[in-house]
Structure formats: structure tokens, C-alpha cells
Amino acid sequence: MKFMIASDIHGSAFYCKEMLDAFQREQADKLLLLGDILYHGPRNDLPKEYAPKTVLRLLNEKKEQILCVRGNCDTEVDQMVLEFPILADYCILCMGNRMIYATHGHRFNKESLPPLQAGDILLHGHTHIPAWESFGDQLLYLNPGSVSIPKEGSAHGYMTLTDKEALWKSLDGAIYHSLTF
């Protein structure tokens, strides 16, 4: 199974459209969103083409293909307009012999770990900075960065994940990092 993983859309219709174009191009089985879908949050400037109603329409059209975890900017009111579940704090994926704990990152992260065992992957967004690093007892931390408000000079991007590899890509599809399992 191939997942496309994206985070932190923050209501940008422009970048949501680019993300969905990338999803189509990737021909992934599922789109996993790591939270912060509609609202931009008080610490961020408005992203390009801030239009939460357009974002919810675009995502609702793909509701059968979307998995999502709740970000710190996502609320029960957002769930009332989005037609796929967004309020789970985490989800568990099994890829090959690895357990992947996917969450937004504001609650569970490298400093506040969920229950993990050697070989597991902690996958989260929230920081808006792509990451691929080993830590602790043979654990791996992955972060796709941000679709609409990347930080520290990173690309507007996403990642793809299979049981064999993870690829970090800019929204135009250019690979800027790969990791083989």
C-alpha cells in the first residue's frame, strides 16, 4: 500500500489544490493528513489563498481516500463540515514489520513519546519542518513538513510512504530526500 502524507494545510485553497494534484499524480492508495486542515492558527500569517470553505469542499470530494488525525488547530466545528473523521489524536499503521504511530505532534512527539517499541516510527507534522531521524531505542521520527506554511527554508511538500521507502517531495513532485527501510 502506498500512502501520501501531508500536514498543515491551514486553510490554503492554493496549496490544497496543489496537494491534491500531487495525490493524483502519485496514485497513492490513501491520503493521510496529519492535522491543521482549515484554520491558520494565531501564530501563523494567513497562507496563500486562505479559503477554508474551498479547502473543505476539495477535501470532501476525496473523503473516501482520506485518513486524518487531529491537529491543534482542528475543532469539533471543523468536524461538522468535513465529511471524514478528523478528531482522532492518532492512528496506527502497519507497514511491513513496522508499526507507525501517526499523530499531529503537539501532544505526542520526541519529547513526549507515545507507547513505542524498537523499530517503530513516530510520524507527525506540527513543526512545519521535514524530518527523518533516528532516535532513542532504534526508533525513527518522520515529518512531511507543511503543505502551506513551511518553516526553516523547507519546501511546500509532502511525503510518500510504502513498506520499502519514504520519499520527501516538493508539491511539484521533485524528490529532495529518500529513506529506504
N, C-alpha and C. Protein backbone atom coordinates (compact mmCIF):
# COMPACT_ATOMS: atom_id res chain seq x y z
N MET A 1 0.84 -1.18 0.00
CA MET A 1 0.00 0.00 0.00
C MET A 1 0.88 1.25 0.00
N LYS A 2 0.46 2.24 -0.74
CA LYS A 2 1.19 3.50 -0.81
C LYS A 2 0.35 4.60 -0.18
N PHE A 3 0.96 5.29 0.79
CA PHE A 3 0.33 6.44 1.43
C PHE A 3 1.01 7.72 0.95
N MET A 4 0.21 8.74 0.74
CA MET A 4 0.75 10.10 0.61
C MET A 4 0.42 10.77 1.93
N ILE A 5 1.41 11.41 2.53
CA ILE A 5 1.23 12.01 3.84
C ILE A 5 1.51 13.51 3.74
N ALA A 6 0.56 14.28 4.26
CA ALA A 6 0.67 15.74 4.21
C ALA A 6 0.19 16.31 5.54
N SER A 7 0.64 17.51 5.83
CA SER A 7 0.26 18.13 7.10
C SER A 7 0.16 19.64 6.93
N ASP A 8 -0.60 20.22 7.83
CA ASP A 8 -0.63 21.68 8.00
C ASP A 8 -1.02 22.43 6.72
N ILE A 9 -2.23 22.15 6.24
CA ILE A 9 -2.79 22.88 5.10
C ILE A 9 -3.19 24.29 5.53
N HIS A 10 -3.70 24.42 6.73
CA HIS A 10 -4.06 25.71 7.34
C HIS A 10 -4.97 26.57 6.45
N GLY A 11 -5.93 25.93 5.79
CA GLY A 11 -6.94 26.68 5.05
C GLY A 11 -6.52 27.26 3.72
N SER A 12 -5.36 26.89 3.21
CA SER A 12 -4.89 27.43 1.93
C SER A 12 -5.49 26.65 0.77
N ALA A 13 -6.41 27.29 0.05
CA ALA A 13 -7.00 26.64 -1.13
C ALA A 13 -5.94 26.42 -2.20
N PHE A 14 -5.03 27.36 -2.36
CA PHE A 14 -3.99 27.24 -3.37
C PHE A 14 -3.15 25.98 -3.14
N TYR A 15 -2.63 25.82 -1.93
CA TYR A 15 -1.76 24.68 -1.65
C TYR A 15 -2.54 23.38 -1.50
N CYS A 16 -3.80 23.46 -1.08
CA CYS A 16 -4.63 22.26 -1.04
C CYS A 16 -4.82 21.71 -2.46
N LYS A 17 -5.08 22.59 -3.41
CA LYS A 17 -5.23 22.15 -4.81
C LYS A 17 -3.94 21.51 -5.30
N GLU A 18 -2.80 22.14 -5.00
CA GLU A 18 -1.52 21.56 -5.42
C GLU A 18 -1.27 20.21 -4.76
N MET A 19 -1.66 20.08 -3.48
CA MET A 19 -1.50 18.81 -2.78
C MET A 19 -2.37 17.74 -3.43
N LEU A 20 -3.60 18.07 -3.76
CA LEU A 20 -4.49 17.10 -4.40
C LEU A 20 -4.03 16.75 -5.81
N ASP A 21 -3.44 17.69 -6.51
CA ASP A 21 -2.83 17.38 -7.81
C ASP A 21 -1.69 16.37 -7.63
N ALA A 22 -0.89 16.58 -6.58
CA ALA A 22 0.20 15.65 -6.29
C ALA A 22 -0.35 14.27 -5.91
N PHE A 23 -1.43 14.24 -5.15
CA PHE A 23 -2.05 12.97 -4.77
C PHE A 23 -2.50 12.20 -6.02
N GLN A 24 -3.08 12.90 -6.95
CA GLN A 24 -3.50 12.28 -8.22
C GLN A 24 -2.28 11.74 -8.98
N ARG A 25 -1.24 12.55 -9.05
CA ARG A 25 -0.02 12.18 -9.77
C ARG A 25 0.66 10.97 -9.10
N GLU A 26 0.66 10.93 -7.78
CA GLU A 26 1.31 9.85 -7.03
C GLU A 26 0.56 8.53 -7.15
N GLN A 27 -0.72 8.59 -7.43
CA GLN A 27 -1.56 7.40 -7.48
C GLN A 27 -1.45 6.58 -6.19
N ALA A 28 -1.44 7.31 -5.07
CA ALA A 28 -1.39 6.66 -3.76
C ALA A 28 -2.75 6.06 -3.43
N ASP A 29 -2.73 5.05 -2.56
CA ASP A 29 -3.98 4.41 -2.14
C ASP A 29 -4.77 5.29 -1.17
N LYS A 30 -4.07 5.96 -0.28
CA LYS A 30 -4.71 6.80 0.74
C LYS A 30 -3.90 8.08 0.94
N LEU A 31 -4.62 9.14 1.31
CA LEU A 31 -4.01 10.41 1.71
C LEU A 31 -4.17 10.52 3.22
N LEU A 32 -3.06 10.54 3.93
CA LEU A 32 -3.07 10.68 5.39
C LEU A 32 -2.73 12.13 5.72
N LEU A 33 -3.69 12.84 6.32
CA LEU A 33 -3.48 14.22 6.73
C LEU A 33 -3.16 14.25 8.22
N LEU A 34 -2.08 14.93 8.57
CA LEU A 34 -1.62 14.98 9.95
C LEU A 34 -2.09 16.23 10.69
N GLY A 35 -3.27 16.72 10.33
CA GLY A 35 -3.90 17.79 11.09
C GLY A 35 -3.64 19.19 10.61
N ASP A 36 -4.32 20.13 11.29
CA ASP A 36 -4.32 21.56 10.97
C ASP A 36 -4.79 21.79 9.53
N ILE A 37 -6.05 21.50 9.33
CA ILE A 37 -6.62 21.50 7.98
C ILE A 37 -7.17 22.85 7.56
N LEU A 38 -8.09 23.41 8.35
CA LEU A 38 -8.84 24.59 7.90
C LEU A 38 -8.35 25.92 8.48
N TYR A 39 -7.95 25.93 9.73
CA TYR A 39 -7.63 27.18 10.42
C TYR A 39 -6.13 27.45 10.39
N HIS A 40 -5.75 28.71 10.31
CA HIS A 40 -4.32 29.05 10.19
C HIS A 40 -3.62 29.20 11.54
N GLY A 41 -4.36 29.35 12.61
CA GLY A 41 -3.75 29.47 13.94
C GLY A 41 -3.25 30.87 14.22
N PRO A 42 -3.18 31.25 15.47
CA PRO A 42 -2.80 32.61 15.83
C PRO A 42 -1.31 32.93 15.65
N ARG A 43 -0.47 31.90 15.51
CA ARG A 43 0.97 32.14 15.37
C ARG A 43 1.43 32.22 13.93
N ASN A 44 0.52 31.92 12.99
CA ASN A 44 0.89 31.90 11.57
C ASN A 44 0.23 33.05 10.83
N ASP A 45 0.92 33.57 9.83
CA ASP A 45 0.30 34.51 8.93
C ASP A 45 -0.71 33.75 8.07
N LEU A 46 -1.63 34.48 7.46
CA LEU A 46 -2.57 33.83 6.56
C LEU A 46 -1.80 33.21 5.39
N PRO A 47 -2.08 31.96 5.08
CA PRO A 47 -1.40 31.35 3.93
C PRO A 47 -2.00 31.85 2.62
N LYS A 48 -1.31 31.58 1.52
CA LYS A 48 -1.75 31.98 0.19
C LYS A 48 -3.15 31.44 -0.10
N GLU A 49 -4.03 32.31 -0.58
CA GLU A 49 -5.41 31.97 -0.90
C GLU A 49 -6.10 31.27 0.26
N TYR A 50 -6.08 31.92 1.42
CA TYR A 50 -6.76 31.39 2.60
C TYR A 50 -8.26 31.34 2.32
N ALA A 51 -8.80 30.15 2.21
CA ALA A 51 -10.22 29.94 1.89
C ALA A 51 -10.67 28.60 2.45
N PRO A 52 -10.91 28.52 3.76
CA PRO A 52 -11.27 27.25 4.38
C PRO A 52 -12.48 26.57 3.75
N LYS A 53 -13.47 27.32 3.29
CA LYS A 53 -14.65 26.70 2.66
C LYS A 53 -14.27 25.98 1.37
N THR A 54 -13.33 26.54 0.63
CA THR A 54 -12.86 25.87 -0.59
C THR A 54 -12.08 24.62 -0.23
N VAL A 55 -11.24 24.70 0.80
CA VAL A 55 -10.46 23.54 1.24
C VAL A 55 -11.39 22.42 1.67
N LEU A 56 -12.42 22.72 2.45
CA LEU A 56 -13.31 21.65 2.89
C LEU A 56 -14.06 21.03 1.72
N ARG A 57 -14.45 21.82 0.73
CA ARG A 57 -15.11 21.27 -0.45
C ARG A 57 -14.17 20.33 -1.22
N LEU A 58 -12.93 20.80 -1.42
CA LEU A 58 -11.95 19.99 -2.15
C LEU A 58 -11.66 18.66 -1.43
N LEU A 59 -11.50 18.72 -0.13
CA LEU A 59 -11.20 17.51 0.63
C LEU A 59 -12.41 16.59 0.72
N ASN A 60 -13.60 17.16 0.90
CA ASN A 60 -14.80 16.32 0.97
C ASN A 60 -15.01 15.53 -0.32
N GLU A 61 -14.57 16.08 -1.44
CA GLU A 61 -14.68 15.36 -2.71
C GLU A 61 -13.80 14.10 -2.73
N LYS A 62 -12.81 14.04 -1.86
CA LYS A 62 -11.89 12.89 -1.78
C LYS A 62 -12.08 12.09 -0.49
N LYS A 63 -13.19 12.29 0.20
CA LYS A 63 -13.38 11.75 1.55
C LYS A 63 -13.14 10.25 1.66
N GLU A 64 -13.41 9.50 0.62
CA GLU A 64 -13.22 8.05 0.68
C GLU A 64 -11.75 7.65 0.69
N GLN A 65 -10.88 8.54 0.31
CA GLN A 65 -9.45 8.24 0.23
C GLN A 65 -8.64 8.88 1.35
N ILE A 66 -9.30 9.60 2.25
CA ILE A 66 -8.58 10.37 3.27
C ILE A 66 -8.66 9.72 4.64
N LEU A 67 -7.51 9.65 5.30
CA LEU A 67 -7.39 9.35 6.72
C LEU A 67 -6.85 10.62 7.36
N CYS A 68 -7.21 10.87 8.61
CA CYS A 68 -6.79 12.13 9.22
C CYS A 68 -6.65 11.99 10.73
N VAL A 69 -5.69 12.71 11.29
CA VAL A 69 -5.59 12.87 12.74
C VAL A 69 -5.79 14.36 13.06
N ARG A 70 -6.14 14.63 14.29
CA ARG A 70 -6.48 15.98 14.73
C ARG A 70 -5.23 16.80 15.03
N GLY A 71 -5.22 18.00 14.47
CA GLY A 71 -4.16 18.95 14.80
C GLY A 71 -4.61 19.90 15.90
N ASN A 72 -3.69 20.68 16.42
CA ASN A 72 -4.02 21.61 17.49
C ASN A 72 -4.94 22.74 17.02
N CYS A 73 -5.07 22.96 15.72
CA CYS A 73 -5.97 23.98 15.19
C CYS A 73 -7.31 23.40 14.72
N ASP A 74 -7.50 22.09 14.84
CA ASP A 74 -8.72 21.45 14.38
C ASP A 74 -9.72 21.32 15.54
N THR A 75 -11.00 21.58 15.25
CA THR A 75 -12.02 21.59 16.30
C THR A 75 -13.23 20.76 15.92
N GLU A 76 -14.13 20.62 16.89
CA GLU A 76 -15.38 19.92 16.65
C GLU A 76 -16.20 20.63 15.57
N VAL A 77 -16.11 21.94 15.50
CA VAL A 77 -16.82 22.70 14.47
C VAL A 77 -16.30 22.30 13.08
N ASP A 78 -15.00 22.10 12.97
CA ASP A 78 -14.43 21.65 11.69
C ASP A 78 -15.01 20.28 11.31
N GLN A 79 -15.17 19.41 12.30
CA GLN A 79 -15.71 18.09 12.02
C GLN A 79 -17.14 18.16 11.50
N MET A 80 -17.86 19.20 11.88
CA MET A 80 -19.24 19.36 11.42
C MET A 80 -19.33 19.62 9.92
N VAL A 81 -18.28 20.14 9.31
CA VAL A 81 -18.31 20.45 7.88
C VAL A 81 -17.45 19.51 7.04
N LEU A 82 -16.51 18.82 7.66
CA LEU A 82 -15.69 17.85 6.94
C LEU A 82 -16.36 16.49 7.01
N GLU A 83 -16.43 15.80 5.89
CA GLU A 83 -17.20 14.55 5.79
C GLU A 83 -16.35 13.30 5.99
N PHE A 84 -15.21 13.44 6.64
CA PHE A 84 -14.36 12.31 7.00
C PHE A 84 -13.87 12.58 8.42
N PRO A 85 -13.57 11.54 9.19
CA PRO A 85 -13.18 11.74 10.59
C PRO A 85 -11.87 12.52 10.71
N ILE A 86 -11.86 13.54 11.59
CA ILE A 86 -10.65 14.34 11.81
C ILE A 86 -10.26 14.45 13.27
N LEU A 87 -11.03 13.87 14.19
CA LEU A 87 -10.82 14.16 15.61
C LEU A 87 -10.03 13.11 16.38
N ALA A 88 -9.48 12.12 15.71
CA ALA A 88 -8.64 11.13 16.40
C ALA A 88 -7.29 11.76 16.71
N ASP A 89 -6.78 11.52 17.90
CA ASP A 89 -5.48 12.07 18.27
C ASP A 89 -4.33 11.35 17.57
N TYR A 90 -4.57 10.12 17.14
CA TYR A 90 -3.52 9.37 16.46
C TYR A 90 -4.15 8.26 15.64
N CYS A 91 -3.36 7.67 14.77
CA CYS A 91 -3.75 6.43 14.12
C CYS A 91 -2.52 5.55 14.04
N ILE A 92 -2.76 4.27 13.96
CA ILE A 92 -1.69 3.28 13.88
C ILE A 92 -1.72 2.67 12.48
N LEU A 93 -0.57 2.65 11.83
CA LEU A 93 -0.42 2.00 10.53
C LEU A 93 0.60 0.89 10.68
N CYS A 94 0.38 -0.19 10.00
CA CYS A 94 1.37 -1.26 9.95
C CYS A 94 1.88 -1.34 8.53
N MET A 95 3.17 -1.15 8.38
CA MET A 95 3.81 -1.21 7.06
C MET A 95 4.95 -2.22 7.16
N GLY A 96 4.77 -3.35 6.51
CA GLY A 96 5.78 -4.40 6.63
C GLY A 96 5.86 -4.84 8.07
N ASN A 97 7.05 -4.83 8.64
CA ASN A 97 7.22 -5.23 10.04
C ASN A 97 7.34 -4.01 10.96
N ARG A 98 6.92 -2.85 10.50
CA ARG A 98 7.00 -1.63 11.31
C ARG A 98 5.62 -1.14 11.73
N MET A 99 5.53 -0.68 12.97
CA MET A 99 4.34 -0.01 13.45
C MET A 99 4.61 1.49 13.33
N ILE A 100 3.66 2.20 12.75
CA ILE A 100 3.79 3.64 12.58
C ILE A 100 2.74 4.31 13.44
N TYR A 101 3.19 5.16 14.34
CA TYR A 101 2.28 5.94 15.20
C TYR A 101 2.19 7.33 14.57
N ALA A 102 1.04 7.60 13.93
CA ALA A 102 0.83 8.87 13.23
C ALA A 102 -0.02 9.79 14.09
N THR A 103 0.45 11.00 14.30
CA THR A 103 -0.23 11.98 15.13
C THR A 103 0.14 13.38 14.62
N HIS A 104 -0.45 14.41 15.19
CA HIS A 104 -0.12 15.76 14.71
C HIS A 104 1.24 16.21 15.24
N GLY A 105 1.54 15.94 16.49
CA GLY A 105 2.84 16.31 17.05
C GLY A 105 2.78 17.32 18.17
N HIS A 106 1.64 17.92 18.42
CA HIS A 106 1.55 18.90 19.50
C HIS A 106 1.44 18.23 20.87
N ARG A 107 0.96 16.99 20.91
CA ARG A 107 0.85 16.27 22.16
C ARG A 107 1.91 15.17 22.27
N PHE A 108 1.96 14.31 21.26
CA PHE A 108 2.98 13.26 21.23
C PHE A 108 4.03 13.63 20.21
N ASN A 109 5.29 13.57 20.65
CA ASN A 109 6.44 13.95 19.81
C ASN A 109 7.68 13.33 20.44
N LYS A 110 8.85 13.70 19.99
CA LYS A 110 10.08 13.10 20.52
C LYS A 110 10.30 13.40 22.00
N GLU A 111 9.77 14.52 22.48
CA GLU A 111 9.93 14.87 23.89
C GLU A 111 8.83 14.28 24.76
N SER A 112 7.74 13.88 24.16
CA SER A 112 6.61 13.29 24.87
C SER A 112 6.13 12.09 24.04
N LEU A 113 6.80 10.97 24.25
CA LEU A 113 6.60 9.81 23.39
C LEU A 113 5.31 9.05 23.69
N PRO A 114 4.66 8.58 22.63
CA PRO A 114 3.58 7.62 22.81
C PRO A 114 4.21 6.26 23.07
N PRO A 115 3.39 5.21 23.31
CA PRO A 115 3.99 3.88 23.51
C PRO A 115 4.60 3.35 22.21
N LEU A 116 5.90 3.24 22.18
CA LEU A 116 6.63 2.74 21.01
C LEU A 116 7.61 1.66 21.44
N GLN A 117 7.95 0.79 20.49
CA GLN A 117 8.95 -0.24 20.73
C GLN A 117 10.05 -0.10 19.68
N ALA A 118 11.17 -0.73 19.92
CA ALA A 118 12.29 -0.68 18.98
C ALA A 118 11.80 -1.00 17.57
N GLY A 119 12.22 -0.19 16.62
CA GLY A 119 11.85 -0.38 15.22
C GLY A 119 10.63 0.40 14.79
N ASP A 120 9.86 0.96 15.74
CA ASP A 120 8.66 1.71 15.41
C ASP A 120 8.99 3.09 14.84
N ILE A 121 7.99 3.68 14.20
CA ILE A 121 8.13 5.01 13.59
C ILE A 121 7.15 5.97 14.24
N LEU A 122 7.66 7.11 14.66
CA LEU A 122 6.83 8.22 15.11
C LEU A 122 6.70 9.17 13.92
N LEU A 123 5.47 9.38 13.46
CA LEU A 123 5.19 10.21 12.30
C LEU A 123 4.30 11.36 12.74
N HIS A 124 4.80 12.59 12.57
CA HIS A 124 3.94 13.72 12.89
C HIS A 124 4.31 14.95 12.08
N GLY A 125 3.36 15.90 12.06
CA GLY A 125 3.55 17.19 11.41
C GLY A 125 3.84 18.23 12.48
N HIS A 126 3.03 19.29 12.53
CA HIS A 126 3.04 20.33 13.55
C HIS A 126 4.20 21.31 13.48
N THR A 127 5.41 20.85 13.28
CA THR A 127 6.57 21.74 13.30
C THR A 127 6.74 22.51 11.99
N HIS A 128 6.13 22.02 10.92
CA HIS A 128 6.25 22.59 9.57
C HIS A 128 7.65 22.40 9.00
N ILE A 129 8.42 21.49 9.59
CA ILE A 129 9.80 21.23 9.17
C ILE A 129 9.95 19.73 8.86
N PRO A 130 10.32 19.37 7.63
CA PRO A 130 10.51 17.95 7.31
C PRO A 130 11.60 17.33 8.18
N ALA A 131 11.40 16.05 8.52
CA ALA A 131 12.40 15.37 9.35
C ALA A 131 12.45 13.89 9.01
N TRP A 132 13.63 13.34 9.19
CA TRP A 132 13.90 11.91 9.03
C TRP A 132 15.11 11.62 9.90
N GLU A 133 14.87 11.18 11.11
CA GLU A 133 16.00 10.96 12.01
C GLU A 133 15.74 9.80 12.95
N SER A 134 16.82 9.08 13.25
CA SER A 134 16.78 8.02 14.24
C SER A 134 16.93 8.63 15.61
N PHE A 135 16.29 8.01 16.59
CA PHE A 135 16.44 8.47 17.97
C PHE A 135 16.10 7.33 18.91
N GLY A 136 16.46 7.49 20.16
CA GLY A 136 16.11 6.53 21.20
C GLY A 136 16.52 5.12 20.87
N ASP A 137 15.68 4.17 21.27
CA ASP A 137 15.95 2.75 21.12
C ASP A 137 15.51 2.26 19.74
N GLN A 138 16.30 2.54 18.73
CA GLN A 138 16.04 2.12 17.35
C GLN A 138 14.69 2.62 16.84
N LEU A 139 14.35 3.86 17.20
CA LEU A 139 13.12 4.50 16.73
C LEU A 139 13.43 5.44 15.59
N LEU A 140 12.43 5.73 14.80
CA LEU A 140 12.59 6.63 13.67
C LEU A 140 11.52 7.70 13.74
N TYR A 141 11.91 8.95 13.57
CA TYR A 141 10.99 10.08 13.55
C TYR A 141 10.91 10.62 12.13
N LEU A 142 9.68 10.69 11.59
CA LEU A 142 9.45 11.22 10.25
C LEU A 142 8.45 12.37 10.32
N ASN A 143 8.66 13.39 9.51
CA ASN A 143 7.75 14.54 9.44
C ASN A 143 7.70 14.99 7.98
N PRO A 144 6.50 15.13 7.40
CA PRO A 144 6.40 15.55 6.00
C PRO A 144 6.61 17.04 5.78
N GLY A 145 6.71 17.83 6.85
CA GLY A 145 6.77 19.28 6.70
C GLY A 145 5.37 19.83 6.54
N SER A 146 5.26 20.98 5.90
CA SER A 146 3.96 21.63 5.75
C SER A 146 3.60 21.85 4.29
N VAL A 147 2.34 21.64 3.98
CA VAL A 147 1.84 21.91 2.64
C VAL A 147 1.85 23.42 2.37
N SER A 148 1.37 24.23 3.33
CA SER A 148 1.14 25.65 3.02
C SER A 148 2.06 26.64 3.72
N ILE A 149 2.58 26.30 4.89
CA ILE A 149 3.41 27.26 5.65
C ILE A 149 4.69 26.57 6.10
N PRO A 150 5.56 26.20 5.16
CA PRO A 150 6.81 25.54 5.57
C PRO A 150 7.71 26.50 6.34
N LYS A 151 8.51 25.94 7.21
CA LYS A 151 9.42 26.77 8.03
C LYS A 151 10.86 26.33 7.82
N GLU A 152 11.77 27.21 8.23
CA GLU A 152 13.22 26.99 8.14
C GLU A 152 13.68 26.70 6.71
N GLY A 153 13.07 27.39 5.75
CA GLY A 153 13.51 27.27 4.36
C GLY A 153 13.13 25.98 3.67
N SER A 154 12.26 25.19 4.29
CA SER A 154 11.86 23.92 3.68
C SER A 154 10.84 24.15 2.57
N ALA A 155 10.62 23.12 1.78
CA ALA A 155 9.71 23.19 0.63
C ALA A 155 8.26 23.04 1.07
N HIS A 156 7.34 23.59 0.28
CA HIS A 156 5.93 23.25 0.40
C HIS A 156 5.87 21.80 -0.06
N GLY A 157 5.60 20.87 0.85
CA GLY A 157 5.78 19.49 0.44
C GLY A 157 4.95 18.48 1.18
N TYR A 158 5.28 17.24 0.91
CA TYR A 158 4.61 16.06 1.44
C TYR A 158 5.59 14.91 1.39
N MET A 159 5.15 13.74 1.83
CA MET A 159 5.96 12.54 1.70
C MET A 159 5.08 11.40 1.22
N THR A 160 5.72 10.42 0.61
CA THR A 160 5.05 9.17 0.29
C THR A 160 5.70 8.08 1.13
N LEU A 161 4.90 7.07 1.45
CA LEU A 161 5.38 6.02 2.33
C LEU A 161 4.86 4.67 1.84
N THR A 162 5.79 3.74 1.67
CA THR A 162 5.45 2.34 1.39
C THR A 162 6.20 1.50 2.41
N ASP A 163 6.06 0.19 2.35
CA ASP A 163 6.78 -0.65 3.30
C ASP A 163 8.28 -0.72 2.99
N LYS A 164 8.69 -0.17 1.85
CA LYS A 164 10.10 -0.21 1.46
C LYS A 164 10.83 1.13 1.56
N GLU A 165 10.06 2.26 1.43
CA GLU A 165 10.74 3.55 1.42
C GLU A 165 9.81 4.71 1.76
N ALA A 166 10.45 5.80 2.15
CA ALA A 166 9.77 7.08 2.34
C ALA A 166 10.46 8.08 1.42
N LEU A 167 9.66 8.89 0.75
CA LEU A 167 10.19 9.93 -0.14
C LEU A 167 9.61 11.27 0.27
N TRP A 168 10.46 12.28 0.40
CA TRP A 168 10.02 13.64 0.66
C TRP A 168 10.07 14.39 -0.65
N LYS A 169 8.95 15.05 -0.96
CA LYS A 169 8.85 15.72 -2.25
C LYS A 169 8.28 17.13 -2.08
N SER A 170 8.67 18.00 -2.99
CA SER A 170 8.02 19.30 -3.07
C SER A 170 6.69 19.08 -3.79
N LEU A 171 5.78 20.04 -3.69
CA LEU A 171 4.46 19.86 -4.28
C LEU A 171 4.49 19.63 -5.79
N ASP A 172 5.57 20.04 -6.45
CA ASP A 172 5.67 19.77 -7.89
C ASP A 172 6.18 18.36 -8.18
N GLY A 173 6.48 17.58 -7.14
CA GLY A 173 6.88 16.18 -7.31
C GLY A 173 8.38 15.93 -7.27
N ALA A 174 9.18 16.97 -7.14
CA ALA A 174 10.63 16.79 -7.08
C ALA A 174 11.03 16.15 -5.75
N ILE A 175 11.78 15.06 -5.84
CA ILE A 175 12.26 14.37 -4.63
C ILE A 175 13.44 15.14 -4.05
N TYR A 176 13.37 15.45 -2.74
CA TYR A 176 14.53 16.10 -2.13
C TYR A 176 15.14 15.27 -1.01
N HIS A 177 14.50 14.15 -0.64
CA HIS A 177 15.12 13.22 0.30
C HIS A 177 14.43 11.87 0.17
N SER A 178 15.20 10.81 0.33
CA SER A 178 14.62 9.46 0.33
C SER A 178 15.22 8.65 1.46
N LEU A 179 14.45 7.70 1.92
CA LEU A 179 14.87 6.84 3.01
C LEU A 179 14.38 5.43 2.69
N THR A 180 15.29 4.48 2.64
CA THR A 180 14.95 3.09 2.37
C THR A 180 14.92 2.33 3.68
N PHE A 181 13.92 1.47 3.84
CA PHE A 181 13.80 0.68 5.07
C PHE A 181 14.45 -0.67 4.89
